[in-house]
């Protein structure tokens, strides 16, 4: 029996290539789904928002760390924000399968 050594550099290069292909595929599938107005709205989620102390994207992806009324209220606020943002209306059927599994966790609530 012979063993084959796979060098870490080869693995890293393949992973980087796969990620680049996945990013291109995701863009190709979703680019037409968003208007210029929607893209601008999505861009605002990357900017720090003083009312939540971080970017909206970070705020939405951070879960509660304790069981308290304040934490529950924050989660309700996130749900209201998602609905007002229109995340519940996104058609996830054009998204690659791996994204379709992870996006609803933060996008739809």
N, C-alpha and C. Protein backbone atom coordinates (compact mmCIF):
# COMPACT_ATOMS: atom_id res chain seq x y z
N UNK A 1 0.85 -1.18 0.00
CA UNK A 1 0.00 0.00 0.00
C UNK A 1 0.90 1.24 0.00
N UNK A 2 0.63 2.14 -0.88
CA UNK A 2 1.42 3.37 -0.91
C UNK A 2 0.57 4.53 -0.41
N UNK A 3 1.22 5.42 0.28
CA UNK A 3 0.54 6.60 0.79
C UNK A 3 0.90 7.79 -0.08
N UNK A 4 -0.06 8.63 -0.29
CA UNK A 4 0.18 9.82 -1.09
C UNK A 4 0.12 11.03 -0.18
N UNK A 5 1.12 11.85 -0.25
CA UNK A 5 1.18 13.05 0.57
C UNK A 5 0.58 14.20 -0.21
N UNK A 6 -0.39 14.85 0.39
CA UNK A 6 -1.00 16.03 -0.23
C UNK A 6 -0.44 17.24 0.50
N UNK A 7 0.24 18.05 -0.23
CA UNK A 7 0.87 19.23 0.37
C UNK A 7 -0.20 20.27 0.72
N UNK A 8 -0.03 20.93 1.88
CA UNK A 8 -1.01 21.94 2.30
C UNK A 8 -1.21 23.05 1.27
N UNK A 9 -0.16 23.41 0.56
CA UNK A 9 -0.28 24.48 -0.43
C UNK A 9 -1.27 24.09 -1.52
N UNK A 10 -1.23 22.83 -1.94
CA UNK A 10 -2.16 22.37 -2.97
C UNK A 10 -3.60 22.45 -2.47
N UNK A 11 -3.80 22.04 -1.24
CA UNK A 11 -5.14 22.10 -0.66
C UNK A 11 -5.61 23.54 -0.58
N UNK A 12 -4.75 24.43 -0.11
CA UNK A 12 -5.12 25.84 0.02
C UNK A 12 -5.45 26.44 -1.34
N UNK A 13 -4.68 26.09 -2.36
CA UNK A 13 -4.95 26.61 -3.70
C UNK A 13 -6.29 26.12 -4.22
N UNK A 14 -6.60 24.87 -3.98
CA UNK A 14 -7.88 24.32 -4.43
C UNK A 14 -9.05 24.95 -3.69
N UNK A 15 -8.87 25.15 -2.40
CA UNK A 15 -9.93 25.80 -1.61
C UNK A 15 -10.14 27.23 -2.10
N UNK A 16 -9.06 27.96 -2.33
CA UNK A 16 -9.17 29.33 -2.83
C UNK A 16 -9.87 29.37 -4.18
N UNK A 17 -9.53 28.43 -5.05
CA UNK A 17 -10.17 28.37 -6.36
C UNK A 17 -11.67 28.06 -6.22
N UNK A 18 -12.00 27.11 -5.37
CA UNK A 18 -13.42 26.75 -5.16
C UNK A 18 -14.19 27.93 -4.59
N UNK A 19 -13.59 28.66 -3.66
CA UNK A 19 -14.27 29.84 -3.09
C UNK A 19 -14.50 30.91 -4.15
N UNK A 20 -13.50 31.13 -4.99
CA UNK A 20 -13.65 32.13 -6.05
C UNK A 20 -14.76 31.73 -7.02
N UNK A 21 -14.82 30.45 -7.37
CA UNK A 21 -15.89 29.98 -8.24
C UNK A 21 -17.25 30.13 -7.58
N UNK A 22 -17.32 29.82 -6.30
CA UNK A 22 -18.59 29.94 -5.58
C UNK A 22 -19.04 31.40 -5.51
N UNK A 23 -18.10 32.31 -5.29
CA UNK A 23 -18.45 33.72 -5.24
C UNK A 23 -18.96 34.20 -6.60
N UNK A 24 -18.30 33.80 -7.66
CA UNK A 24 -18.74 34.16 -9.01
C UNK A 24 -20.12 33.59 -9.30
N UNK A 25 -20.33 32.34 -8.95
CA UNK A 25 -21.62 31.69 -9.17
C UNK A 25 -22.74 32.39 -8.39
N UNK A 26 -22.45 32.72 -7.14
CA UNK A 26 -23.45 33.41 -6.32
C UNK A 26 -23.79 34.76 -6.93
N UNK A 27 -22.77 35.52 -7.34
CA UNK A 27 -23.01 36.82 -7.96
C UNK A 27 -23.85 36.67 -9.22
N UNK A 28 -23.47 35.71 -10.06
CA UNK A 28 -24.21 35.51 -11.32
C UNK A 28 -25.68 35.19 -11.07
N UNK A 29 -25.94 34.42 -10.04
CA UNK A 29 -27.33 34.03 -9.76
C UNK A 29 -28.13 35.15 -9.10
N UNK A 30 -27.46 35.99 -8.32
CA UNK A 30 -28.19 36.99 -7.55
C UNK A 30 -28.14 38.40 -8.13
N UNK A 31 -27.23 38.68 -9.04
CA UNK A 31 -27.03 40.04 -9.55
C UNK A 31 -28.31 40.64 -10.13
N UNK A 32 -29.04 39.87 -10.90
CA UNK A 32 -30.25 40.39 -11.52
C UNK A 32 -31.43 40.48 -10.56
N UNK A 33 -31.31 39.83 -9.42
CA UNK A 33 -32.41 39.81 -8.45
C UNK A 33 -32.51 41.11 -7.66
N UNK A 34 -31.45 41.93 -7.68
CA UNK A 34 -31.43 43.14 -6.86
C UNK A 34 -31.33 44.39 -7.72
N UNK A 35 -32.22 45.32 -7.46
CA UNK A 35 -32.17 46.61 -8.15
C UNK A 35 -31.03 47.44 -7.56
N UNK A 36 -30.73 48.55 -8.20
CA UNK A 36 -29.69 49.45 -7.68
C UNK A 36 -30.08 49.96 -6.30
N UNK A 37 -31.37 50.22 -6.11
CA UNK A 37 -31.84 50.68 -4.81
C UNK A 37 -31.63 49.62 -3.74
N UNK A 38 -31.91 48.36 -4.06
CA UNK A 38 -31.75 47.26 -3.10
C UNK A 38 -30.27 47.05 -2.78
N UNK A 39 -29.40 47.16 -3.80
CA UNK A 39 -27.97 47.01 -3.55
C UNK A 39 -27.46 48.12 -2.64
N UNK A 40 -27.94 49.34 -2.85
CA UNK A 40 -27.55 50.45 -1.98
C UNK A 40 -28.03 50.21 -0.55
N UNK A 41 -29.24 49.68 -0.43
CA UNK A 41 -29.79 49.35 0.89
C UNK A 41 -28.93 48.28 1.57
N UNK A 42 -28.52 47.28 0.82
CA UNK A 42 -27.66 46.23 1.39
C UNK A 42 -26.30 46.79 1.80
N UNK A 43 -25.77 47.72 1.03
CA UNK A 43 -24.49 48.33 1.37
C UNK A 43 -24.54 49.05 2.71
N UNK A 44 -25.69 49.62 3.05
CA UNK A 44 -25.80 50.33 4.33
C UNK A 44 -25.65 49.38 5.52
N UNK A 45 -25.86 48.10 5.31
CA UNK A 45 -25.72 47.14 6.41
C UNK A 45 -24.27 46.94 6.81
N UNK A 46 -23.32 47.41 6.00
CA UNK A 46 -21.91 47.25 6.29
C UNK A 46 -21.33 48.44 7.06
N UNK A 47 -22.10 49.51 7.18
CA UNK A 47 -21.66 50.73 7.84
C UNK A 47 -22.06 50.68 9.31
N UNK A 48 -21.17 51.15 10.18
CA UNK A 48 -21.51 51.18 11.60
C UNK A 48 -22.74 52.04 11.85
N UNK A 49 -23.64 51.52 12.64
CA UNK A 49 -24.88 52.21 13.00
C UNK A 49 -24.81 52.51 14.49
N UNK A 50 -24.79 53.79 14.84
CA UNK A 50 -24.65 54.20 16.24
C UNK A 50 -25.78 53.66 17.12
N UNK A 51 -26.95 53.46 16.56
CA UNK A 51 -28.08 53.01 17.38
C UNK A 51 -27.91 51.58 17.88
N UNK A 52 -27.10 50.77 17.20
CA UNK A 52 -26.85 49.40 17.65
C UNK A 52 -25.39 49.17 18.04
N UNK A 53 -24.54 50.17 17.82
CA UNK A 53 -23.15 50.09 18.24
C UNK A 53 -22.23 49.27 17.35
N UNK A 54 -22.69 48.88 16.19
CA UNK A 54 -21.91 48.11 15.23
C UNK A 54 -22.62 48.17 13.88
N UNK A 55 -22.13 47.44 12.90
CA UNK A 55 -22.86 47.41 11.62
C UNK A 55 -24.12 46.57 11.80
N UNK A 56 -25.11 46.85 10.98
CA UNK A 56 -26.36 46.08 11.05
C UNK A 56 -26.11 44.61 10.72
N UNK A 57 -25.20 44.33 9.81
CA UNK A 57 -24.91 42.94 9.46
C UNK A 57 -24.35 42.19 10.67
N UNK A 58 -23.41 42.80 11.35
CA UNK A 58 -22.83 42.18 12.56
C UNK A 58 -23.90 42.03 13.64
N UNK A 59 -24.71 43.05 13.81
CA UNK A 59 -25.78 43.02 14.82
C UNK A 59 -26.74 41.88 14.55
N UNK A 60 -27.12 41.71 13.29
CA UNK A 60 -28.06 40.64 12.94
C UNK A 60 -27.46 39.25 13.13
N UNK A 61 -26.17 39.12 12.90
CA UNK A 61 -25.55 37.79 12.97
C UNK A 61 -25.07 37.41 14.36
N UNK A 62 -25.18 38.33 15.32
CA UNK A 62 -24.78 38.04 16.69
C UNK A 62 -26.00 37.59 17.48
N UNK A 63 -25.92 36.40 18.02
CA UNK A 63 -27.04 35.85 18.79
C UNK A 63 -27.01 36.31 20.24
N UNK A 64 -28.07 36.02 20.97
CA UNK A 64 -28.13 36.40 22.39
C UNK A 64 -27.11 35.61 23.20
N UNK A 65 -26.58 36.23 24.24
CA UNK A 65 -25.60 35.56 25.11
C UNK A 65 -26.17 35.27 26.49
N UNK A 66 -27.38 35.72 26.73
CA UNK A 66 -28.02 35.46 28.02
C UNK A 66 -29.53 35.38 27.83
N UNK A 67 -30.18 34.78 28.80
CA UNK A 67 -31.64 34.70 28.77
C UNK A 67 -32.18 35.83 29.64
N UNK A 68 -32.53 36.93 28.99
CA UNK A 68 -33.05 38.08 29.72
C UNK A 68 -34.09 38.79 28.87
N UNK A 69 -34.84 39.66 29.50
CA UNK A 69 -35.85 40.43 28.78
C UNK A 69 -35.18 41.34 27.74
N UNK A 70 -34.04 41.90 28.09
CA UNK A 70 -33.32 42.78 27.16
C UNK A 70 -32.86 42.00 25.92
N UNK A 71 -32.32 40.81 26.15
CA UNK A 71 -31.87 39.99 25.02
C UNK A 71 -33.04 39.59 24.14
N UNK A 72 -34.16 39.26 24.75
CA UNK A 72 -35.35 38.89 23.99
C UNK A 72 -35.85 40.08 23.17
N UNK A 73 -35.83 41.26 23.77
CA UNK A 73 -36.27 42.47 23.07
C UNK A 73 -35.36 42.75 21.86
N UNK A 74 -34.07 42.55 22.05
CA UNK A 74 -33.13 42.76 20.95
C UNK A 74 -33.43 41.81 19.80
N UNK A 75 -33.74 40.55 20.10
CA UNK A 75 -34.06 39.58 19.05
C UNK A 75 -35.35 39.96 18.33
N UNK A 76 -36.32 40.48 19.06
CA UNK A 76 -37.57 40.95 18.44
C UNK A 76 -37.27 42.15 17.54
N UNK A 77 -36.41 43.06 18.02
CA UNK A 77 -36.01 44.22 17.20
C UNK A 77 -35.34 43.77 15.90
N UNK A 78 -34.53 42.71 15.98
CA UNK A 78 -33.88 42.18 14.78
C UNK A 78 -34.91 41.63 13.80
N UNK A 79 -35.89 40.93 14.32
CA UNK A 79 -36.94 40.37 13.45
C UNK A 79 -37.71 41.49 12.76
N UNK A 80 -38.05 42.54 13.51
CA UNK A 80 -38.76 43.69 12.93
C UNK A 80 -37.89 44.35 11.86
N UNK A 81 -36.60 44.52 12.15
CA UNK A 81 -35.69 45.11 11.17
C UNK A 81 -35.65 44.28 9.90
N UNK A 82 -35.53 42.96 10.04
CA UNK A 82 -35.48 42.07 8.86
C UNK A 82 -36.74 42.21 8.01
N UNK A 83 -37.87 42.25 8.67
CA UNK A 83 -39.14 42.36 7.93
C UNK A 83 -39.26 43.72 7.27
N UNK A 84 -38.89 44.79 7.98
CA UNK A 84 -38.94 46.13 7.39
C UNK A 84 -37.95 46.25 6.22
N UNK A 85 -36.85 45.54 6.33
CA UNK A 85 -35.82 45.53 5.29
C UNK A 85 -36.28 44.76 4.06
N UNK A 86 -37.27 43.90 4.24
CA UNK A 86 -37.79 43.11 3.13
C UNK A 86 -37.11 41.77 2.96
N UNK A 87 -36.39 41.33 3.98
CA UNK A 87 -35.67 40.05 3.88
C UNK A 87 -36.62 38.87 3.74
N UNK A 88 -37.82 39.01 4.27
CA UNK A 88 -38.77 37.90 4.19
C UNK A 88 -39.34 37.73 2.78
N UNK A 89 -39.06 38.70 1.89
CA UNK A 89 -39.56 38.64 0.52
C UNK A 89 -38.50 38.15 -0.47
N UNK A 90 -37.28 37.87 0.00
CA UNK A 90 -36.22 37.43 -0.90
C UNK A 90 -36.52 36.05 -1.45
N UNK A 91 -36.27 35.88 -2.73
CA UNK A 91 -36.44 34.59 -3.38
C UNK A 91 -35.12 33.84 -3.28
N UNK A 92 -35.02 32.92 -2.34
CA UNK A 92 -33.78 32.20 -2.12
C UNK A 92 -33.60 31.03 -3.08
N UNK A 93 -34.57 30.80 -3.96
CA UNK A 93 -34.46 29.66 -4.87
C UNK A 93 -33.33 29.84 -5.89
N UNK A 94 -32.90 31.09 -6.14
CA UNK A 94 -31.80 31.31 -7.09
C UNK A 94 -30.44 31.20 -6.42
N UNK A 95 -30.43 31.11 -5.11
CA UNK A 95 -29.18 31.02 -4.36
C UNK A 95 -28.62 29.60 -4.42
N UNK A 96 -27.28 29.47 -4.49
CA UNK A 96 -26.71 28.12 -4.42
C UNK A 96 -27.14 27.42 -3.14
N UNK A 97 -27.24 26.13 -3.17
CA UNK A 97 -27.79 25.35 -2.05
C UNK A 97 -27.10 25.64 -0.73
N UNK A 98 -25.79 25.77 -0.68
CA UNK A 98 -25.11 26.01 0.59
C UNK A 98 -25.55 27.33 1.20
N UNK A 99 -25.78 28.36 0.37
CA UNK A 99 -26.26 29.63 0.89
C UNK A 99 -27.71 29.55 1.32
N UNK A 100 -28.49 28.77 0.62
CA UNK A 100 -29.91 28.65 0.95
C UNK A 100 -30.09 28.05 2.33
N UNK A 101 -29.13 27.29 2.78
CA UNK A 101 -29.21 26.69 4.11
C UNK A 101 -28.84 27.71 5.18
N UNK A 102 -27.80 28.53 4.93
CA UNK A 102 -27.31 29.41 5.98
C UNK A 102 -27.96 30.80 5.99
N UNK A 103 -28.38 31.32 4.86
CA UNK A 103 -28.92 32.67 4.84
C UNK A 103 -30.20 32.87 5.64
N UNK A 104 -31.16 31.97 5.56
CA UNK A 104 -32.39 32.24 6.30
C UNK A 104 -32.19 32.43 7.80
N UNK A 105 -31.10 31.86 8.34
CA UNK A 105 -30.83 32.00 9.77
C UNK A 105 -30.78 33.47 10.17
N UNK A 106 -30.16 34.31 9.33
CA UNK A 106 -30.08 35.72 9.68
C UNK A 106 -30.96 36.58 8.79
N UNK A 107 -31.25 36.13 7.60
CA UNK A 107 -31.97 36.98 6.66
C UNK A 107 -33.47 36.98 6.88
N UNK A 108 -34.02 35.86 7.21
CA UNK A 108 -35.47 35.77 7.32
C UNK A 108 -35.91 35.68 8.76
N UNK A 109 -35.11 35.10 9.59
CA UNK A 109 -35.43 35.01 11.02
C UNK A 109 -36.31 33.89 11.25
